Structures are given as C-alpha cells and as structure tokens.
Amino acid sequence: GKALAIRKKIFGENDVDTGQSYYNIGIAQLKKGDYDGALVLLQKSKAIFTRELGVEHRKTVQTNAFIDFCQKRMDPSNTAVQL
C-alpha cells in the first residue's frame, strides 16, 4: 500500500527500502493464503535484494525461502528451490 508508494517515490523502484516494502506486503499476502500475490511481491523484493545486497545476504536468502514456500503451496509437486 501506502508505505510502498511513498518509498518508491522517495527512494526509487530499486532501493533496498522499496524491496523491504515489497517483502513486507508479500509476507502479509502469504499469511492470508494469497500465494500468487505473495509470490509476485517476494520475487520483486528478491530482485532488489540480490542486485543491491548480493545472493548470500540474509534478506535475499530469507526471501528465497519464502518464495520456495509459496511455490510449494501453489504446486506441491514443485520441489525446485528458487535461487
């Protein structure tokens, strides 16, 4: 929502703070059972975290775990880990 719009305006689309907003909203969607919505937002945050923080950063690794969780919930036969 509103926090995301403000962060995008102040920091830009590719800033870590914007990525954190995508992540927070994605986790909220995940908790509501909206795995499709969560996946889209978590993938956006992952792209930002990977580019700005690196693949081994805690935020990137944690986001990958939640992406994997969403994918498994959407398709239980999917065992691939998103890197």
C-alpha atoms as a PDB file:
ATOM      1  CA  GLY A   1       0.000   0.000   0.000  1.00  0.00           C
ATOM      2  CA  LYS A   2       0.722   3.469   1.035  1.00  0.00           C
ATOM      3  CA  ALA A   3       4.171   2.832   2.533  1.00  0.00           C
ATOM      4  CA  LEU A   4       5.277   1.165  -0.699  1.00  0.00           C
ATOM      5  CA  ALA A   5       4.113   4.117  -2.785  1.00  0.00           C
ATOM      6  CA  ILE A   6       5.943   6.553  -0.515  1.00  0.00           C
ATOM      7  CA  ARG A   7       9.164   4.520  -0.557  1.00  0.00           C
ATOM      8  CA  LYS A   8       9.047   4.163  -4.348  1.00  0.00           C
ATOM      9  CA  LYS A   9       8.612   7.914  -4.684  1.00  0.00           C
ATOM     10  CA  ILE A  10      11.375   8.813  -2.201  1.00  0.00           C
ATOM     11  CA  PHE A  11      13.928   6.046  -2.788  1.00  0.00           C
ATOM     12  CA  GLY A  12      13.054   4.741  -6.255  1.00  0.00           C
ATOM     13  CA  GLU A  13      11.902   1.371  -7.522  1.00  0.00           C
ATOM     14  CA  ASN A  14      15.219  -0.419  -6.973  1.00  0.00           C
ATOM     15  CA  ASP A  15      16.166   0.710  -3.456  1.00  0.00           C
ATOM     16  CA  VAL A  16      16.529  -1.769  -0.582  1.00  0.00           C
ATOM     17  CA  ASP A  17      13.850   0.128   1.371  1.00  0.00           C
ATOM     18  CA  THR A  18      11.429  -0.354  -1.516  1.00  0.00           C
ATOM     19  CA  GLY A  19      12.402  -4.025  -1.629  1.00  0.00           C
ATOM     20  CA  GLN A  20      11.646  -4.278   2.076  1.00  0.00           C
ATOM     21  CA  SER A  21       8.164  -2.895   1.459  1.00  0.00           C
ATOM     22  CA  TYR A  22       7.553  -5.470  -1.291  1.00  0.00           C
ATOM     23  CA  TYR A  23       8.782  -8.141   1.127  1.00  0.00           C
ATOM     24  CA  ASN A  24       6.542  -6.965   3.999  1.00  0.00           C
ATOM     25  CA  ILE A  25       3.437  -6.854   1.821  1.00  0.00           C
ATOM     26  CA  GLY A  26       4.361 -10.218   0.293  1.00  0.00           C
ATOM     27  CA  ILE A  27       4.588 -11.803   3.741  1.00  0.00           C
ATOM     28  CA  ALA A  28       1.201 -10.311   4.657  1.00  0.00           C
ATOM     29  CA  GLN A  29      -0.287 -11.829   1.478  1.00  0.00           C
ATOM     30  CA  LEU A  30       1.343 -15.169   2.304  1.00  0.00           C
ATOM     31  CA  LYS A  31      -0.195 -15.136   5.802  1.00  0.00           C
ATOM     32  CA  LYS A  32      -3.612 -14.539   4.205  1.00  0.00           C
ATOM     33  CA  GLY A  33      -3.097 -17.543   1.935  1.00  0.00           C
ATOM     34  CA  ASP A  34      -2.698 -15.459  -1.240  1.00  0.00           C
ATOM     35  CA  TYR A  35       0.316 -17.358  -2.549  1.00  0.00           C
ATOM     36  CA  ASP A  36       0.068 -15.934  -6.075  1.00  0.00           C
ATOM     37  CA  GLY A  37       0.078 -12.356  -4.784  1.00  0.00           C
ATOM     38  CA  ALA A  38       2.814 -13.110  -2.285  1.00  0.00           C
ATOM     39  CA  LEU A  39       4.992 -14.714  -4.943  1.00  0.00           C
ATOM     40  CA  VAL A  40       4.867 -11.677  -7.232  1.00  0.00           C
ATOM     41  CA  LEU A  41       5.838  -9.305  -4.423  1.00  0.00           C
ATOM     42  CA  LEU A  42       8.522 -11.580  -2.993  1.00  0.00           C
ATOM     43  CA  GLN A  43      10.080 -12.004  -6.427  1.00  0.00           C
ATOM     44  CA  LYS A  44      10.260  -8.207  -6.777  1.00  0.00           C
ATOM     45  CA  SER A  45      11.927  -7.916  -3.384  1.00  0.00           C
ATOM     46  CA  LYS A  46      14.313 -10.759  -4.255  1.00  0.00           C
ATOM     47  CA  ALA A  47      15.426  -8.991  -7.439  1.00  0.00           C
ATOM     48  CA  ILE A  48      16.187  -5.817  -5.487  1.00  0.00           C
ATOM     49  CA  PHE A  49      17.905  -7.615  -2.599  1.00  0.00           C
ATOM     50  CA  THR A  50      20.004  -9.733  -4.971  1.00  0.00           C
ATOM     51  CA  ARG A  51      21.116  -6.728  -7.003  1.00  0.00           C
ATOM     52  CA  GLU A  52      21.751  -4.414  -4.053  1.00  0.00           C
ATOM     53  CA  LEU A  53      22.829  -6.812  -1.267  1.00  0.00           C
ATOM     54  CA  GLY A  54      24.017  -9.966  -3.037  1.00  0.00           C
ATOM     55  CA  VAL A  55      22.779 -13.547  -3.204  1.00  0.00           C
ATOM     56  CA  GLU A  56      24.233 -14.556   0.153  1.00  0.00           C
ATOM     57  CA  HIS A  57      22.774 -11.685   2.180  1.00  0.00           C
ATOM     58  CA  ARG A  58      20.365 -12.708   4.930  1.00  0.00           C
ATOM     59  CA  LYS A  59      17.437 -10.813   3.352  1.00  0.00           C
ATOM     60  CA  THR A  60      17.973 -12.451  -0.030  1.00  0.00           C
ATOM     61  CA  VAL A  61      18.275 -15.938   1.478  1.00  0.00           C
ATOM     62  CA  GLN A  62      15.174 -15.441   3.625  1.00  0.00           C
ATOM     63  CA  THR A  63      13.182 -14.141   0.655  1.00  0.00           C
ATOM     64  CA  ASN A  64      14.232 -17.192  -1.377  1.00  0.00           C
ATOM     65  CA  ALA A  65      12.910 -19.453   1.379  1.00  0.00           C
ATOM     66  CA  PHE A  66       9.509 -17.750   1.326  1.00  0.00           C
ATOM     67  CA  ILE A  67       9.405 -17.888  -2.490  1.00  0.00           C
ATOM     68  CA  ASP A  68      10.078 -21.623  -2.297  1.00  0.00           C
ATOM     69  CA  PHE A  69       7.336 -21.987   0.333  1.00  0.00           C
ATOM     70  CA  CYS A  70       4.809 -20.160  -1.895  1.00  0.00           C
ATOM     71  CA  GLN A  71       5.714 -22.262  -4.909  1.00  0.00           C
ATOM     72  CA  LYS A  72       5.307 -25.478  -2.948  1.00  0.00           C
ATOM     73  CA  ARG A  73       1.915 -24.333  -1.616  1.00  0.00           C
ATOM     74  CA  MET A  74       0.789 -23.466  -5.138  1.00  0.00           C
ATOM     75  CA  ASP A  75       2.128 -26.724  -6.612  1.00  0.00           C
ATOM     76  CA  PRO A  76       3.016 -29.443  -4.095  1.00  0.00           C
ATOM     77  CA  SER A  77       4.857 -31.397  -6.827  1.00  0.00           C
ATOM     78  CA  ASN A  78       7.304 -28.474  -7.240  1.00  0.00           C
ATOM     79  CA  THR A  79      10.449 -29.338  -5.312  1.00  0.00           C
ATOM     80  CA  ALA A  80      12.812 -26.903  -7.032  1.00  0.00           C
ATOM     81  CA  VAL A  81      14.454 -24.318  -4.819  1.00  0.00           C
ATOM     82  CA  GLN A  82      14.354 -20.794  -6.244  1.00  0.00           C
ATOM     83  CA  LEU A  83      17.847 -19.272  -6.263  1.00  0.00           C
END
